[in-house]
Amino acid sequence: MPKGSIELVNSRKEEILNAAEKLYQTKNFKDITLNDIAELTTFKRTSIYNYFETKEEIFLMLNKRQYEAWVSDLENIIKTNKTLSKDDIAKNIADSLEKREDMLRLMMNHFDMESNSRLEVLTEFKTAFGNSMKTLNKLLEKFCPDMKECGRTKFIYALFPFIYGIYPYTAVNEKQKDAMERADVGFIHHSIYEITYNCVKLLLK
């Protein structure tokens, strides 16, 4: 750990995460290098190793930040509504995920990110991930009072694996569309909102 105050360390980490986030808007995860990230910071690439050992750790912590933002959205749904119909629950969850496109996109690289991160970094991420499951459970407890604990558990463990596969169905490029046409596979574009809404509605039946 580098010398300096906790505030300085956290500030440097945020600068690195912000640089990675900016690059991710225009480049793929595999194409981004530590050199690319360093060029958007106020320090050299070697200094990044004081805070993160690998590129995967940086992006795992970036996704931790995305999960924390999602938890905040879910908590706001719980706080600002007294009751919600099943249809409204589906709409609210779909809306919350539509705002987390980077989170959904990063999920496609989770195996590499988790495999190439230190245990303490992975634990930080898993804490944020776990909080999202706990918060979703609180949402169901409040707005689906008739749903038993086993029902809430089944809902969560059906929804979360589903979430990991949303992004590829919403971001199809022209070559993929052409290939599907040649393979006689029909393509109908659906948004993150539409896919999530339909899934949650089915799970709540």
Protein backbone atom coordinates (compact mmCIF):
# COMPACT_ATOMS: atom_id res chain seq x y z
CA MET A 1 0.00 0.00 0.00
CA PRO A 2 1.45 3.40 -0.94
CA LYS A 3 2.29 6.00 1.64
CA GLY A 4 -0.19 8.81 2.21
CA SER A 5 -3.51 9.49 3.79
CA ILE A 6 -6.55 7.29 3.29
CA GLU A 7 -8.12 10.21 1.42
CA LEU A 8 -5.21 10.31 -1.02
CA VAL A 9 -5.29 6.55 -1.58
CA ASN A 10 -9.03 6.60 -2.22
CA SER A 11 -8.66 9.60 -4.50
CA ARG A 12 -6.00 7.81 -6.58
CA LYS A 13 -8.17 4.69 -6.81
CA GLU A 14 -11.14 6.74 -7.98
CA GLU A 15 -8.96 8.44 -10.60
CA ILE A 16 -7.92 5.03 -11.95
CA LEU A 17 -11.51 3.76 -11.96
CA ASN A 18 -12.73 6.91 -13.71
CA ALA A 19 -10.06 6.48 -16.39
CA ALA A 20 -11.04 2.85 -16.95
CA GLU A 21 -14.71 3.81 -17.09
CA LYS A 22 -14.02 6.48 -19.72
CA LEU A 23 -12.05 4.04 -21.87
CA TYR A 24 -14.80 1.45 -21.57
CA GLN A 25 -17.22 3.77 -23.35
CA THR A 26 -15.28 3.40 -26.61
CA LYS A 27 -13.16 0.23 -26.27
CA ASN A 28 -13.67 -3.42 -25.38
CA PHE A 29 -12.43 -4.81 -22.07
CA LYS A 30 -9.82 -7.02 -23.74
CA ASP A 31 -8.44 -4.13 -25.80
CA ILE A 32 -7.83 -1.83 -22.83
CA THR A 33 -4.34 -1.92 -21.31
CA LEU A 34 -2.85 -0.53 -18.13
CA ASN A 35 -0.91 1.89 -20.32
CA ASP A 36 -4.19 3.18 -21.75
CA ILE A 37 -5.55 3.70 -18.25
CA ALA A 38 -2.36 5.40 -17.02
CA GLU A 39 -2.48 7.88 -19.90
CA LEU A 40 -5.75 9.23 -18.52
CA THR A 41 -4.39 9.64 -14.98
CA THR A 42 -1.96 12.09 -13.41
CA PHE A 43 0.62 9.40 -12.66
CA LYS A 44 2.67 6.68 -14.41
CA ARG A 45 1.60 3.13 -15.13
CA THR A 46 3.96 1.74 -12.50
CA SER A 47 2.12 3.75 -9.85
CA ILE A 48 -1.10 1.90 -10.66
CA TYR A 49 0.44 -1.23 -9.14
CA ASN A 50 0.38 0.53 -5.76
CA TYR A 51 -3.40 0.32 -5.88
CA PHE A 52 -4.31 -2.54 -8.25
CA GLU A 53 -2.23 -5.53 -9.30
CA THR A 54 -4.06 -6.26 -12.55
CA LYS A 55 -6.37 -4.68 -15.10
CA GLU A 56 -9.00 -7.18 -14.00
CA GLU A 57 -8.92 -5.82 -10.45
CA ILE A 58 -9.57 -2.32 -11.77
CA PHE A 59 -12.63 -3.41 -13.73
CA LEU A 60 -13.90 -5.60 -10.92
CA MET A 61 -13.84 -2.57 -8.62
CA LEU A 62 -15.48 -0.53 -11.36
CA ASN A 63 -18.29 -3.07 -11.41
CA LYS A 64 -18.44 -2.98 -7.61
CA ARG A 65 -19.21 0.71 -7.97
CA GLN A 66 -21.94 -0.14 -10.48
CA TYR A 67 -23.50 -2.66 -8.08
CA GLU A 68 -23.44 -0.09 -5.29
CA ALA A 69 -25.29 2.35 -7.55
CA TRP A 70 -27.84 -0.35 -8.37
CA VAL A 71 -28.35 -1.06 -4.66
CA SER A 72 -28.97 2.65 -4.14
CA ASP A 73 -31.62 2.56 -6.89
CA LEU A 74 -33.32 -0.47 -5.31
CA GLU A 75 -33.26 1.13 -1.87
CA ASN A 76 -34.86 4.24 -3.34
CA ILE A 77 -37.68 2.11 -4.79
CA ILE A 78 -38.29 0.61 -1.34
CA LYS A 79 -38.15 3.99 0.40
CA THR A 80 -40.37 5.99 -1.96
CA ASN A 81 -43.22 3.50 -2.43
CA LYS A 82 -45.72 2.21 0.11
CA THR A 83 -47.10 -0.49 -2.16
CA LEU A 84 -46.34 -1.78 -5.65
CA SER A 85 -48.26 -4.14 -7.89
CA LYS A 86 -46.36 -6.99 -9.53
CA ASP A 87 -46.45 -5.06 -12.77
CA ASP A 88 -44.97 -2.00 -11.03
CA ILE A 89 -42.27 -4.15 -9.41
CA ALA A 90 -41.29 -5.41 -12.85
CA LYS A 91 -41.24 -1.87 -14.25
CA ASN A 92 -39.12 -0.53 -11.39
CA ILE A 93 -36.56 -3.35 -11.51
CA ALA A 94 -36.37 -3.07 -15.31
CA ASP A 95 -35.85 0.68 -15.05
CA SER A 96 -33.10 0.24 -12.44
CA LEU A 97 -31.18 -2.19 -14.65
CA GLU A 98 -31.60 -0.13 -17.80
CA LYS A 99 -29.50 2.54 -16.06
CA ARG A 100 -26.75 0.00 -15.36
CA GLU A 101 -25.68 -0.86 -18.90
CA ASP A 102 -21.97 -0.83 -18.00
CA MET A 103 -22.64 -3.26 -15.17
CA LEU A 104 -24.43 -5.66 -17.51
CA ARG A 105 -21.72 -5.33 -20.13
CA LEU A 106 -18.93 -5.95 -17.61
CA MET A 107 -20.64 -9.16 -16.51
CA MET A 108 -19.51 -10.76 -19.77
CA ASN A 109 -15.92 -10.59 -18.43
CA HIS A 110 -16.61 -11.66 -14.87
CA PHE A 111 -14.78 -14.98 -15.05
CA ASP A 112 -11.54 -13.29 -16.11
CA MET A 113 -11.96 -10.40 -13.68
CA GLU A 114 -12.60 -12.65 -10.70
CA SER A 115 -9.92 -15.19 -11.64
CA ASN A 116 -7.24 -12.51 -11.92
CA SER A 117 -8.01 -10.54 -8.77
CA ARG A 118 -6.63 -10.93 -5.27
CA LEU A 119 -8.87 -12.47 -2.64
CA GLU A 120 -9.32 -9.19 -0.75
CA VAL A 121 -10.39 -7.38 -3.93
CA LEU A 122 -12.75 -10.19 -4.88
CA THR A 123 -14.22 -10.10 -1.37
CA GLU A 124 -14.91 -6.37 -1.73
CA PHE A 125 -16.77 -7.03 -4.95
CA LYS A 126 -18.71 -9.99 -3.54
CA THR A 127 -19.84 -7.81 -0.63
CA ALA A 128 -21.42 -5.34 -3.07
CA PHE A 129 -22.87 -8.21 -5.09
CA GLY A 130 -24.31 -9.78 -1.94
CA ASN A 131 -25.84 -6.47 -0.89
CA SER A 132 -27.71 -6.29 -4.20
CA MET A 133 -29.25 -9.72 -3.52
CA LYS A 134 -30.16 -8.73 0.06
CA THR A 135 -31.72 -5.46 -1.10
CA LEU A 136 -33.76 -7.19 -3.78
CA ASN A 137 -34.95 -9.61 -1.11
CA LYS A 138 -36.04 -6.62 1.05
CA LEU A 139 -37.94 -5.23 -1.93
CA LEU A 140 -39.81 -8.49 -2.38
CA GLU A 141 -40.50 -8.73 1.36
CA LYS A 142 -42.14 -5.31 1.33
CA PHE A 143 -44.11 -5.44 -1.90
CA CYS A 144 -44.88 -9.18 -2.08
CA PRO A 145 -45.83 -9.94 1.55
CA ASP A 146 -47.49 -13.21 0.55
CA MET A 147 -44.29 -14.53 -1.00
CA LYS A 148 -42.52 -16.93 1.33
CA GLU A 149 -38.77 -16.94 1.92
CA CYS A 150 -38.28 -19.94 -0.37
CA GLY A 151 -40.19 -18.10 -3.11
CA ARG A 152 -38.01 -15.02 -2.75
CA THR A 153 -34.90 -17.17 -2.87
CA LYS A 154 -36.08 -18.91 -6.04
CA PHE A 155 -36.86 -15.52 -7.61
CA ILE A 156 -33.41 -14.12 -6.82
CA TYR A 157 -31.52 -17.21 -7.98
CA ALA A 158 -33.48 -17.20 -11.23
CA LEU A 159 -33.10 -13.46 -11.87
CA PHE A 160 -29.38 -13.07 -11.20
CA PRO A 161 -28.13 -15.70 -13.70
CA PHE A 162 -30.58 -14.18 -16.18
CA ILE A 163 -29.09 -10.71 -15.59
CA TYR A 164 -25.67 -12.01 -16.65
CA GLY A 165 -27.02 -12.74 -20.12
CA ILE A 166 -29.02 -9.59 -20.83
CA TYR A 167 -26.40 -7.43 -22.52
CA PRO A 168 -25.52 -9.65 -25.52
CA TYR A 169 -29.18 -9.67 -26.52
CA THR A 170 -29.39 -5.88 -26.54
CA ALA A 171 -26.10 -4.99 -28.26
CA VAL A 172 -25.99 -6.90 -31.54
CA ASN A 173 -23.71 -5.50 -34.24
CA GLU A 174 -24.31 -5.59 -38.00
CA LYS A 175 -22.07 -8.61 -38.57
CA GLN A 176 -23.97 -10.58 -35.93
CA LYS A 177 -27.29 -9.60 -37.50
CA ASP A 178 -26.02 -10.66 -40.92
CA ALA A 179 -24.84 -13.99 -39.55
CA MET A 180 -28.21 -14.63 -37.91
CA GLU A 181 -30.01 -13.86 -41.16
CA ARG A 182 -27.75 -16.28 -43.04
CA ALA A 183 -28.33 -18.90 -40.35
CA ASP A 184 -32.09 -18.29 -40.64
CA VAL A 185 -32.29 -17.15 -37.02
CA GLY A 186 -34.79 -14.36 -36.58
CA PHE A 187 -33.58 -11.28 -34.74
CA ILE A 188 -35.93 -8.97 -32.88
CA HIS A 189 -34.30 -6.15 -30.95
CA HIS A 190 -35.34 -5.76 -27.34
CA SER A 191 -34.09 -3.16 -24.89
CA ILE A 192 -32.65 -3.92 -21.45
CA TYR A 193 -35.90 -2.61 -20.01
CA GLU A 194 -38.10 -4.87 -22.17
CA ILE A 195 -36.10 -8.02 -21.52
CA THR A 196 -35.93 -7.42 -17.77
CA TYR A 197 -39.59 -6.43 -17.48
CA ASN A 198 -40.76 -9.59 -19.25
CA CYS A 199 -38.52 -11.80 -17.14
CA VAL A 200 -39.56 -10.29 -13.81
CA LYS A 201 -43.25 -10.50 -14.77
CA LEU A 202 -42.88 -14.20 -15.49
CA LEU A 203 -40.98 -14.85 -12.25
CA LEU A 204 -43.63 -13.06 -10.18
CA LYS A 205 -46.52 -15.16 -11.52
